[in-house]
């Protein structure tokens, strides 16, 4: 099994868990044009095909960017398949744009595409921030809620997102007369693994985040399951077994769907095992691939 393809696919699967919950995904900006960028965009277009209007790709290499756009528009052709392999035709109304540092208005367009985006995918092994922090930390930058998935950097010295953006995301909110103009923050950064990100994620380390300021994505899944279980137990009464009224989680849902959410991933081997096993099972069912007996 191609490990590079699997890694990109399973990483994107985790990223789009929050993407699915977002209220607005009209404008997506992605940094990079490799397999990670490809799978993040492909899954985004599959999950919300009629809601994505603009896809802005920012990459150093123009040719690589154009190849990715062609692959997204005709995925089966890129994979050597045929039209008969396509089970569902996915309608796409999205308009694609490609920006490279060589553009004479790069700085202006970079700021514009970051500010307008409701979703930002960072998929590069960068050693320095891909854009200035003030694009998002200024008063103007904070008006809009965004979902940012930073998955390209995976070592302490690597950095895609400026640490100041993470610091602001975990800072306590204070009531003041301009507060209503800012999108909500959750007081934490979402991660795939608290232990791994505190040791390996450059953004988390350089921002000086504490363990209580990062929350694993799996915890949100557990919270959802617990809420569903308690609601099922409460039935029509709306009360749990102890007779207490079940409280909603409107604040959490508001943050995840409309607020500023940052998800940082450095990769989990467990995800490789689970995703790889499921793909092998599907391949066996469809008679795809070659099985080496006794391997």
Protein backbone atom coordinates (compact mmCIF):
# COMPACT_ATOMS: atom_id res chain seq x y z
CA UNK A 1 0.00 0.00 0.00
CA UNK A 2 1.32 3.44 -0.93
CA UNK A 3 2.21 4.97 2.45
CA UNK A 4 2.51 8.53 1.08
CA UNK A 5 -1.00 8.43 -0.37
CA UNK A 6 -2.43 6.81 2.76
CA UNK A 7 -0.80 9.39 5.05
CA UNK A 8 -2.27 12.28 3.08
CA UNK A 9 -5.70 10.63 2.92
CA UNK A 10 -5.96 9.80 6.64
CA UNK A 11 -4.67 13.25 7.65
CA UNK A 12 -7.34 14.90 5.53
CA UNK A 13 -10.01 12.60 6.99
CA UNK A 14 -9.27 13.99 10.46
CA UNK A 15 -9.16 17.61 9.26
CA UNK A 16 -12.56 17.47 7.58
CA UNK A 17 -14.27 16.28 10.77
CA UNK A 18 -14.45 19.94 11.83
CA UNK A 19 -14.85 21.15 8.25
CA UNK A 20 -18.16 19.24 8.08
CA UNK A 21 -19.48 21.25 11.02
CA UNK A 22 -18.65 24.70 9.64
CA UNK A 23 -21.56 26.99 8.87
CA UNK A 24 -19.78 28.65 5.93
CA UNK A 25 -17.29 26.99 3.60
CA UNK A 26 -17.80 29.26 0.59
CA UNK A 27 -14.15 30.32 0.39
CA UNK A 28 -11.26 27.91 0.93
CA UNK A 29 -7.61 28.91 0.84
CA UNK A 30 -4.96 26.19 0.77
CA UNK A 31 -1.20 26.60 1.04
CA UNK A 32 0.63 23.89 -0.88
CA UNK A 33 -0.11 21.70 -3.89
CA UNK A 34 1.12 18.27 -2.84
CA UNK A 35 -0.82 15.17 -1.82
CA UNK A 36 -1.91 16.69 1.48
CA UNK A 37 -3.38 19.73 -0.26
CA UNK A 38 -4.99 17.51 -2.89
CA UNK A 39 -6.74 15.21 -0.41
CA UNK A 40 -7.92 18.07 1.81
CA UNK A 41 -9.52 19.77 -1.18
CA UNK A 42 -10.86 16.59 -2.72
CA UNK A 43 -12.63 15.55 0.48
CA UNK A 44 -13.90 19.10 1.03
CA UNK A 45 -15.43 19.14 -2.45
CA UNK A 46 -16.96 15.71 -1.94
CA UNK A 47 -18.50 16.61 1.41
CA UNK A 48 -19.80 20.10 0.61
CA UNK A 49 -19.87 20.23 -3.23
CA UNK A 50 -22.60 22.84 -3.62
CA UNK A 51 -21.35 25.12 -0.84
CA UNK A 52 -17.74 25.68 -1.90
CA UNK A 53 -17.65 28.68 -4.24
CA UNK A 54 -13.98 29.66 -4.38
CA UNK A 55 -10.80 27.62 -3.93
CA UNK A 56 -7.63 29.71 -3.66
CA UNK A 57 -4.39 27.76 -4.00
CA UNK A 58 -1.17 29.44 -2.87
CA UNK A 59 2.00 27.63 -3.90
CA UNK A 60 5.57 28.41 -4.93
CA UNK A 61 5.43 26.26 -8.08
CA UNK A 62 2.86 27.32 -10.69
CA UNK A 63 3.08 24.08 -12.69
CA UNK A 64 2.54 21.90 -9.65
CA UNK A 65 -0.47 23.99 -8.71
CA UNK A 66 -2.03 23.63 -12.14
CA UNK A 67 -1.48 19.85 -12.07
CA UNK A 68 -3.34 19.64 -8.78
CA UNK A 69 -6.26 21.65 -10.14
CA UNK A 70 -6.49 19.32 -13.15
CA UNK A 71 -6.40 16.30 -10.85
CA UNK A 72 -9.19 17.74 -8.71
CA UNK A 73 -11.36 18.43 -11.73
CA UNK A 74 -10.78 14.91 -13.15
CA UNK A 75 -9.73 12.65 -10.25
CA UNK A 76 -10.36 9.33 -12.01
CA UNK A 77 -8.27 10.37 -15.00
CA UNK A 78 -5.43 11.31 -12.65
CA UNK A 79 -5.62 7.89 -10.98
CA UNK A 80 -5.76 5.96 -14.22
CA UNK A 81 -9.42 5.08 -13.84
CA UNK A 82 -12.31 5.35 -16.25
CA UNK A 83 -15.71 6.94 -16.13
CA UNK A 84 -17.13 3.53 -15.20
CA UNK A 85 -15.28 3.75 -11.89
CA UNK A 86 -17.19 6.88 -10.84
CA UNK A 87 -20.11 5.85 -8.67
CA UNK A 88 -21.33 9.38 -7.92
CA UNK A 89 -20.73 12.43 -10.05
CA UNK A 90 -19.92 15.27 -7.67
CA UNK A 91 -21.22 18.67 -8.86
CA UNK A 92 -18.67 21.41 -8.36
CA UNK A 93 -19.48 25.07 -8.70
CA UNK A 94 -16.14 26.13 -7.22
CA UNK A 95 -13.90 28.53 -9.10
CA UNK A 96 -10.18 27.87 -8.73
CA UNK A 97 -7.40 30.44 -8.53
CA UNK A 98 -3.65 29.91 -8.23
CA UNK A 99 -1.30 32.43 -6.62
CA UNK A 100 2.51 32.21 -6.61
CA UNK A 101 5.08 34.51 -4.96
CA UNK A 102 6.12 35.68 -8.43
CA UNK A 103 2.83 37.53 -8.95
CA UNK A 104 3.36 41.31 -8.99
CA UNK A 105 0.52 41.77 -6.48
CA UNK A 106 1.35 38.76 -4.34
CA UNK A 107 1.30 40.53 -0.96
CA UNK A 108 -2.06 42.20 -1.57
CA UNK A 109 -3.69 39.04 -2.92
CA UNK A 110 -2.18 36.92 -0.14
CA UNK A 111 -3.80 39.11 2.50
CA UNK A 112 -7.09 39.19 0.59
CA UNK A 113 -7.28 35.41 0.17
CA UNK A 114 -6.41 34.73 3.80
CA UNK A 115 -8.88 37.31 5.11
CA UNK A 116 -11.77 36.19 2.88
CA UNK A 117 -11.35 32.49 3.60
CA UNK A 118 -13.74 30.70 5.91
CA UNK A 119 -11.48 27.64 5.74
CA UNK A 120 -7.67 27.59 5.52
CA UNK A 121 -5.65 24.42 4.94
CA UNK A 122 -1.90 24.69 5.65
CA UNK A 123 -0.14 21.71 4.06
CA UNK A 124 3.52 22.69 3.63
CA UNK A 125 6.74 21.70 5.49
CA UNK A 126 7.49 25.37 6.08
CA UNK A 127 10.09 26.65 8.53
CA UNK A 128 8.56 30.13 8.75
CA UNK A 129 4.97 31.45 8.98
CA UNK A 130 3.17 31.40 5.64
CA UNK A 131 1.57 34.81 6.27
CA UNK A 132 1.84 37.59 8.88
CA UNK A 133 -0.06 37.08 12.12
CA UNK A 134 -1.80 40.45 11.85
CA UNK A 135 -3.84 39.17 8.90
CA UNK A 136 -5.87 37.28 11.53
CA UNK A 137 -5.04 38.90 14.88
CA UNK A 138 -5.95 42.49 13.98
CA UNK A 139 -9.41 43.89 14.66
CA UNK A 140 -10.32 43.48 10.99
CA UNK A 141 -8.94 39.95 10.87
CA UNK A 142 -10.96 38.85 13.89
CA UNK A 143 -14.34 39.86 12.50
CA UNK A 144 -14.69 36.63 10.53
CA UNK A 145 -14.76 33.13 12.01
CA UNK A 146 -12.39 30.67 10.34
CA UNK A 147 -11.41 27.05 10.52
CA UNK A 148 -7.64 26.58 10.13
CA UNK A 149 -6.14 23.10 9.75
CA UNK A 150 -2.35 23.22 10.06
CA UNK A 151 -0.98 19.81 9.16
CA UNK A 152 2.19 20.39 7.11
CA UNK A 153 4.76 21.04 9.85
CA UNK A 154 5.59 18.19 12.21
CA UNK A 155 8.84 19.08 13.98
CA UNK A 156 9.64 21.70 16.66
CA UNK A 157 11.59 23.94 14.26
CA UNK A 158 8.89 23.86 11.57
CA UNK A 159 6.20 26.53 11.40
CA UNK A 160 3.28 27.31 9.09
CA UNK A 161 1.07 29.40 11.34
CA UNK A 162 2.48 32.33 13.34
CA UNK A 163 2.54 31.55 17.10
CA UNK A 164 0.68 34.81 17.83
CA UNK A 165 -2.40 33.39 16.08
CA UNK A 166 -2.40 30.43 18.48
CA UNK A 167 -1.78 32.67 21.48
CA UNK A 168 -4.81 34.74 20.61
CA UNK A 169 -6.91 31.60 20.13
CA UNK A 170 -6.31 30.48 23.73
CA UNK A 171 -6.40 33.93 25.35
CA UNK A 172 -9.27 34.57 27.80
CA UNK A 173 -12.09 36.63 26.32
CA UNK A 174 -12.83 39.92 28.05
CA UNK A 175 -16.08 41.78 27.68
CA UNK A 176 -15.73 45.19 26.06
CA UNK A 177 -17.74 47.32 23.75
CA UNK A 178 -16.19 45.88 20.58
CA UNK A 179 -16.50 42.24 21.58
CA UNK A 180 -19.59 41.61 19.47
CA UNK A 181 -17.58 42.34 16.34
CA UNK A 182 -15.20 39.45 16.95
CA UNK A 183 -15.86 35.83 16.04
CA UNK A 184 -15.90 33.56 19.13
CA UNK A 185 -12.82 31.64 20.23
CA UNK A 186 -12.85 28.43 22.23
CA UNK A 187 -9.91 29.11 24.54
CA UNK A 188 -8.07 26.08 23.17
CA UNK A 189 -6.40 24.66 20.07
CA UNK A 190 -7.61 21.31 18.74
CA UNK A 191 -4.93 18.66 18.14
CA UNK A 192 -4.74 15.04 17.06
CA UNK A 193 -2.58 14.16 20.07
CA UNK A 194 -1.83 16.37 23.09
CA UNK A 195 1.35 14.47 23.94
CA UNK A 196 2.71 14.44 20.38
CA UNK A 197 1.87 18.09 19.62
CA UNK A 198 3.43 19.39 22.85
CA UNK A 199 6.66 17.62 21.81
CA UNK A 200 6.65 17.96 18.02
CA UNK A 201 4.34 20.73 16.74
CA UNK A 202 6.38 23.86 16.09
CA UNK A 203 3.39 26.19 16.35
CA UNK A 204 2.26 24.75 19.68
CA UNK A 205 5.80 24.73 21.14
CA UNK A 206 6.77 28.21 19.95
CA UNK A 207 3.47 29.66 21.15
CA UNK A 208 4.24 28.22 24.57
CA UNK A 209 0.86 26.50 24.90
CA UNK A 210 0.15 24.53 28.05
CA UNK A 211 -1.48 21.07 28.19
CA UNK A 212 -4.77 22.59 29.33
CA UNK A 213 -4.80 24.85 26.27
CA UNK A 214 -4.90 22.00 23.74
CA UNK A 215 -7.79 19.58 23.28
CA UNK A 216 -7.70 16.32 21.37
CA UNK A 217 -10.14 15.90 18.51
CA UNK A 218 -11.11 12.54 19.98
CA UNK A 219 -12.41 14.27 23.11
CA UNK A 220 -15.00 16.11 21.03
CA UNK A 221 -16.16 12.80 19.56
CA UNK A 222 -16.48 11.35 23.06
CA UNK A 223 -18.44 14.40 24.23
CA UNK A 224 -20.83 14.00 21.31
CA UNK A 225 -21.38 10.31 22.03
CA UNK A 226 -21.94 11.00 25.72
CA UNK A 227 -24.46 13.73 24.89
CA UNK A 228 -26.34 11.40 22.54
CA UNK A 229 -26.36 8.65 25.16
CA UNK A 230 -27.69 10.97 27.86
CA UNK A 231 -30.39 12.30 25.55
CA UNK A 232 -31.46 8.76 24.68
CA UNK A 233 -31.68 7.92 28.36
CA UNK A 234 -33.62 11.08 29.14
CA UNK A 235 -36.18 10.40 26.41
CA UNK A 236 -39.07 12.86 26.25
CA UNK A 237 -38.63 14.03 29.85
CA UNK A 238 -35.44 15.89 29.02
CA UNK A 239 -33.97 14.73 32.32
CA UNK A 240 -31.17 12.31 33.07
CA UNK A 241 -31.32 9.30 35.40
CA UNK A 242 -30.54 11.57 38.35
CA UNK A 243 -33.54 13.76 37.56
CA UNK A 244 -31.35 16.73 36.55
CA UNK A 245 -32.17 18.77 33.46
CA UNK A 246 -29.73 18.00 30.64
CA UNK A 247 -27.83 21.13 29.70
CA UNK A 248 -27.08 21.91 26.06
CA UNK A 249 -23.66 22.67 24.61
CA UNK A 250 -24.63 25.63 22.49
CA UNK A 251 -21.39 27.48 23.20
CA UNK A 252 -19.26 24.61 21.96
CA UNK A 253 -21.38 24.15 18.85
CA UNK A 254 -21.30 27.89 18.13
CA UNK A 255 -17.51 27.90 18.35
CA UNK A 256 -17.03 24.81 16.18
CA UNK A 257 -19.44 26.00 13.49
CA UNK A 258 -18.87 29.76 13.41
CA UNK A 259 -15.91 30.68 15.59
CA UNK A 260 -12.16 30.74 15.10
CA UNK A 261 -11.02 27.11 15.31
CA UNK A 262 -7.43 25.94 14.88
CA UNK A 263 -6.65 22.25 14.39
CA UNK A 264 -3.02 21.15 14.57
CA UNK A 265 -1.92 17.66 13.51
CA UNK A 266 1.48 15.94 13.51
CA UNK A 267 0.15 12.50 12.61
CA UNK A 268 -0.81 9.36 14.52
CA UNK A 269 0.41 5.87 13.67
CA UNK A 270 -2.87 4.46 14.98
CA UNK A 271 -4.73 6.30 12.22
CA UNK A 272 -2.47 4.64 9.64
CA UNK A 273 -3.30 1.19 11.03
CA UNK A 274 -7.05 1.76 11.17
CA UNK A 275 -7.34 3.51 7.80
CA UNK A 276 -5.00 1.04 6.11
CA UNK A 277 -6.92 -1.92 7.51
CA UNK A 278 -10.21 -0.53 6.28
CA UNK A 279 -8.82 0.09 2.79
CA UNK A 280 -7.46 -3.48 2.64
CA UNK A 281 -10.89 -4.80 3.66
CA UNK A 282 -12.58 -2.79 0.89
CA UNK A 283 -9.94 -3.95 -1.62
CA UNK A 284 -10.59 -7.58 -0.67
CA UNK A 285 -14.34 -7.12 -1.14
CA UNK A 286 -13.84 -5.62 -4.60
CA UNK A 287 -11.05 -7.91 -5.71
CA UNK A 288 -8.61 -5.05 -6.13
CA UNK A 289 -4.86 -5.36 -5.68
CA UNK A 290 -2.52 -8.31 -5.31
CA UNK A 291 -2.41 -10.48 -2.20
CA UNK A 292 0.98 -12.03 -1.38
CA UNK A 293 0.26 -15.24 0.53
CA UNK A 294 2.35 -15.87 3.63
CA UNK A 295 3.84 -12.37 3.59
